[in-house]
N, C-alpha and C. Protein backbone atom coordinates (compact mmCIF):
# COMPACT_ATOMS: atom_id res chain seq x y z
N MET A 1 -13.67 15.45 -16.63
CA MET A 1 -12.91 14.10 -16.18
C MET A 1 -13.74 14.04 -14.79
N SER A 2 -14.42 12.61 -14.29
CA SER A 2 -15.05 12.18 -13.47
C SER A 2 -14.29 12.25 -12.51
N GLY A 3 -15.02 12.25 -11.00
CA GLY A 3 -14.55 12.00 -9.97
C GLY A 3 -14.10 10.91 -9.55
N VAL A 4 -14.69 9.63 -10.22
CA VAL A 4 -13.97 8.21 -10.16
C VAL A 4 -12.78 8.22 -10.90
N THR A 5 -12.49 8.84 -12.07
CA THR A 5 -11.18 8.87 -12.67
C THR A 5 -9.98 9.54 -11.44
N LEU A 6 -10.69 10.76 -11.16
CA LEU A 6 -9.61 11.40 -10.22
C LEU A 6 -9.21 10.59 -8.80
N PHE A 7 -10.06 9.90 -8.64
CA PHE A 7 -9.87 8.91 -7.74
C PHE A 7 -8.76 7.99 -7.52
N GLY A 8 -9.19 7.64 -9.19
CA GLY A 8 -8.29 6.38 -9.36
C GLY A 8 -6.74 6.78 -9.59
N PHE A 9 -6.80 7.94 -10.24
CA PHE A 9 -5.06 8.90 -10.66
C PHE A 9 -4.70 8.95 -9.12
N ALA A 10 -5.50 9.45 -8.36
CA ALA A 10 -4.74 9.69 -6.99
C ALA A 10 -4.52 8.32 -6.15
N ALA A 11 -5.30 7.17 -6.29
CA ALA A 11 -4.92 6.13 -5.92
C ALA A 11 -3.57 5.39 -6.57
N VAL A 12 -3.58 5.39 -7.74
CA VAL A 12 -2.44 4.84 -8.43
C VAL A 12 -1.24 5.90 -8.12
N GLY A 13 -1.42 7.08 -8.67
CA GLY A 13 -0.33 8.06 -7.90
C GLY A 13 0.06 7.87 -6.34
N THR A 14 -0.61 7.12 -5.60
CA THR A 14 -0.15 7.05 -4.18
C THR A 14 0.89 5.95 -4.31
N MET A 15 0.19 5.00 -4.74
CA MET A 15 0.93 3.91 -5.18
C MET A 15 2.24 3.72 -5.81
N PHE A 16 2.53 4.69 -6.92
CA PHE A 16 3.53 4.77 -7.56
C PHE A 16 4.47 5.60 -6.49
N ALA A 17 4.13 6.77 -6.12
CA ALA A 17 5.30 7.30 -5.07
C ALA A 17 5.75 6.31 -3.80
N THR A 18 4.69 5.77 -3.28
CA THR A 18 5.01 5.23 -1.99
C THR A 18 6.14 3.95 -2.19
N TYR A 19 5.67 3.27 -3.57
CA TYR A 19 6.25 1.99 -3.98
C TYR A 19 7.90 2.74 -3.99
N TRP A 20 8.07 3.87 -4.63
CA TRP A 20 9.35 4.64 -5.27
C TRP A 20 9.91 4.43 -3.58
N LEU A 21 9.48 4.82 -2.47
CA LEU A 21 9.94 5.57 -1.13
C LEU A 21 9.99 4.03 -0.24
N GLU A 22 10.00 3.12 -0.29
CA GLU A 22 9.55 1.72 0.18
C GLU A 22 10.92 1.81 1.23
N GLU A 23 11.89 1.78 0.45
CA GLU A 23 13.34 1.77 1.21
C GLU A 23 13.33 2.67 2.45
N ARG A 24 13.00 3.77 2.42
CA ARG A 24 13.12 4.81 3.46
C ARG A 24 12.31 4.47 4.67
N SER A 25 11.27 3.66 4.78
CA SER A 25 10.76 3.57 5.89
C SER A 25 9.55 2.20 5.66
N ALA A 26 9.30 1.43 6.59
CA ALA A 26 8.39 0.28 6.54
C ALA A 26 6.78 0.95 6.46
N TRP A 27 6.88 2.38 7.18
CA TRP A 27 5.54 3.24 7.05
C TRP A 27 5.07 3.12 5.26
N PHE A 28 5.99 3.47 4.52
CA PHE A 28 5.96 3.66 3.05
C PHE A 28 5.36 2.53 2.71
N VAL A 29 5.70 1.42 3.15
CA VAL A 29 5.15 0.12 2.74
C VAL A 29 3.69 -0.11 2.86
N LEU A 30 3.50 0.47 4.06
CA LEU A 30 1.60 0.40 4.54
C LEU A 30 1.12 1.56 3.70
N ALA A 31 1.91 2.55 3.51
CA ALA A 31 1.01 3.60 2.80
C ALA A 31 0.66 2.92 1.22
N PHE A 32 1.97 2.08 1.03
CA PHE A 32 1.36 1.31 -0.53
C PHE A 32 0.62 0.14 -0.56
N ALA A 33 0.43 -0.13 0.64
CA ALA A 33 -1.02 -1.05 0.95
C ALA A 33 -2.26 -0.36 0.62
N VAL A 34 -1.92 0.74 1.27
CA VAL A 34 -3.12 1.59 1.50
C VAL A 34 -3.96 2.34 -0.20
N GLY A 35 -2.60 2.34 -0.77
CA GLY A 35 -2.81 2.78 -2.13
C GLY A 35 -3.28 1.50 -2.86
N CYS A 36 -2.73 0.37 -2.87
CA CYS A 36 -3.47 -0.58 -3.40
C CYS A 36 -4.86 -0.96 -3.13
N ALA A 37 -5.39 -0.74 -1.88
CA ALA A 37 -6.54 -0.52 -1.47
C ALA A 37 -7.44 0.48 -2.14
N ALA A 38 -7.05 1.15 -2.28
CA ALA A 38 -7.77 2.41 -2.99
C ALA A 38 -7.91 2.24 -4.38
N SER A 39 -6.81 1.54 -5.27
CA SER A 39 -6.81 1.17 -6.13
C SER A 39 -8.08 0.31 -6.88
N ALA A 40 -8.33 -0.88 -5.85
CA ALA A 40 -8.98 -1.89 -5.68
C ALA A 40 -10.35 -1.19 -5.55
N LEU A 41 -10.87 -0.45 -4.68
CA LEU A 41 -12.17 0.04 -4.90
C LEU A 41 -12.30 0.93 -6.23
N TYR A 42 -11.28 1.76 -6.51
CA TYR A 42 -11.45 2.31 -7.94
C TYR A 42 -11.79 1.42 -9.06
N GLY A 43 -11.29 0.39 -9.08
CA GLY A 43 -11.69 -0.98 -10.09
C GLY A 43 -12.86 -1.31 -9.86
N VAL A 44 -13.50 -1.46 -8.46
CA VAL A 44 -14.96 -2.02 -7.97
C VAL A 44 -15.79 -0.74 -8.86
N LEU A 45 -15.54 0.75 -8.36
CA LEU A 45 -16.48 1.74 -8.97
C LEU A 45 -16.20 2.12 -10.51
N ALA A 46 -15.40 1.65 -11.17
CA ALA A 46 -14.98 1.77 -12.73
C ALA A 46 -15.56 0.39 -13.40
N GLY A 47 -16.30 -0.57 -12.59
CA GLY A 47 -16.33 -1.76 -12.97
C GLY A 47 -15.40 -2.43 -13.75
N ALA A 48 -14.12 -2.41 -13.52
CA ALA A 48 -12.88 -3.17 -13.60
C ALA A 48 -12.62 -4.37 -12.54
N LEU A 49 -13.83 -5.53 -12.52
CA LEU A 49 -13.41 -6.16 -11.46
C LEU A 49 -12.28 -6.86 -11.31
N PRO A 50 -11.35 -7.29 -12.80
CA PRO A 50 -10.49 -8.07 -12.50
C PRO A 50 -9.08 -7.25 -12.03
N PHE A 51 -9.33 -5.94 -12.28
CA PHE A 51 -8.32 -4.86 -11.62
C PHE A 51 -8.71 -4.92 -10.25
N ALA A 52 -9.78 -5.06 -9.63
CA ALA A 52 -10.10 -4.77 -8.61
C ALA A 52 -9.39 -6.19 -7.92
N VAL A 53 -9.48 -7.11 -7.94
CA VAL A 53 -9.01 -8.28 -7.66
C VAL A 53 -7.52 -8.53 -7.60
N VAL A 54 -7.01 -7.80 -8.57
CA VAL A 54 -5.23 -8.29 -8.21
C VAL A 54 -4.88 -6.83 -7.47
N GLU A 55 -5.59 -5.84 -7.82
CA GLU A 55 -5.32 -4.56 -6.48
C GLU A 55 -5.48 -5.07 -5.14
N THR A 56 -6.49 -5.78 -4.85
CA THR A 56 -6.54 -6.33 -3.34
C THR A 56 -5.58 -7.26 -3.03
N LEU A 57 -5.22 -8.11 -3.77
CA LEU A 57 -4.20 -9.28 -3.95
C LEU A 57 -3.20 -8.38 -3.30
N TRP A 58 -2.46 -7.61 -4.46
CA TRP A 58 -1.31 -6.62 -4.05
C TRP A 58 -1.39 -6.06 -2.60
N ALA A 59 -2.61 -5.43 -2.09
CA ALA A 59 -2.79 -4.91 -0.90
C ALA A 59 -2.43 -6.02 0.24
N GLY A 60 -2.97 -6.96 0.13
CA GLY A 60 -2.50 -7.91 1.48
C GLY A 60 -1.26 -8.21 1.34
N VAL A 61 -0.43 -8.41 -0.22
CA VAL A 61 0.99 -8.66 0.16
C VAL A 61 1.53 -7.78 0.19
N ALA A 62 1.41 -6.64 0.22
CA ALA A 62 2.14 -5.39 0.86
C ALA A 62 2.04 -5.14 2.25
N LEU A 63 0.69 -5.65 2.73
CA LEU A 63 -0.01 -5.40 4.38
C LEU A 63 1.29 -6.30 4.99
N GLN A 64 1.07 -7.71 4.34
CA GLN A 64 1.90 -8.77 4.81
C GLN A 64 3.62 -8.21 4.80
N ARG A 65 3.68 -7.41 4.05
CA ARG A 65 5.31 -7.40 3.90
C ARG A 65 5.84 -6.15 4.72
N PHE A 66 4.81 -5.22 5.43
CA PHE A 66 4.62 -4.31 6.12
C PHE A 66 4.86 -5.01 7.54
N LEU A 67 4.41 -5.71 7.76
CA LEU A 67 4.30 -6.44 9.28
C LEU A 67 5.46 -7.12 9.39
N ARG A 68 5.67 -7.81 8.37
CA ARG A 68 7.21 -8.55 8.79
C ARG A 68 8.59 -7.73 8.86
N ARG A 69 8.47 -6.37 8.24
CA ARG A 69 9.22 -5.44 8.40
C ARG A 69 9.37 -4.84 9.68
N ARG A 70 8.16 -4.54 10.19
CA ARG A 70 8.06 -4.16 11.65
C ARG A 70 8.35 -4.93 12.76
N ARG A 71 8.06 -6.44 12.46
CA ARG A 71 8.65 -7.36 13.32
C ARG A 71 10.24 -7.12 13.51
N ALA A 72 10.43 -7.55 12.11
CA ALA A 72 12.10 -7.49 11.91
C ALA A 72 12.93 -6.17 12.75
N LEU A 73 12.25 -4.84 12.78
CA LEU A 73 12.71 -3.74 13.14
C LEU A 73 12.87 -3.79 14.93
N THR A 74 11.70 -4.28 15.63
CA THR A 74 11.43 -4.30 16.55
C THR A 74 12.20 -5.30 17.41
N ALA A 75 12.64 -6.64 16.42
CA ALA A 75 13.41 -7.69 17.05
C ALA A 75 14.61 -7.42 17.03
N VAL A 76 15.15 -6.19 16.72
CA VAL A 76 16.53 -5.82 16.48
C VAL A 76 16.98 -4.77 17.29
N ARG A 77 15.69 -3.88 18.08
CA ARG A 77 16.33 -3.13 18.81
C ARG A 77 16.87 -3.36 19.97
N PRO A 78 17.72 -2.78 20.46
CA PRO A 78 18.81 -2.95 21.64
C PRO A 78 17.95 -2.14 22.99
N VAL A 79 18.01 -3.34 23.72
CA VAL A 79 17.33 -2.66 25.19
C VAL A 79 18.43 -1.68 25.81
N ARG A 80 17.45 -0.46 26.59
CA ARG A 80 18.36 0.59 27.12
C ARG A 80 18.54 0.29 28.44
N GLU A 81 19.76 0.36 29.05
CA GLU A 81 19.80 0.17 30.22
C GLU A 81 19.44 1.49 31.37
N ALA A 82 18.88 1.33 32.57
CA ALA A 82 18.49 2.52 33.17
C ALA A 82 19.78 2.90 33.89
């Protein structure tokens, strides 16, 4: 098994695990975006450019979802009185 194949396996495994855990924290959504970006890099290294393009788009969508969730969480936090 080549290093590129192992990298691809790790990237897709990260995507799977973090997608499964997304409901627990917005940080898992960010980790999913990183996994998508890593999968896109794998696609480039493996010569599968259509796969790389789709994974890049997924990374952008996931990053947008992370930012939206973070904004929603910070908007709801109550202000503590001194």
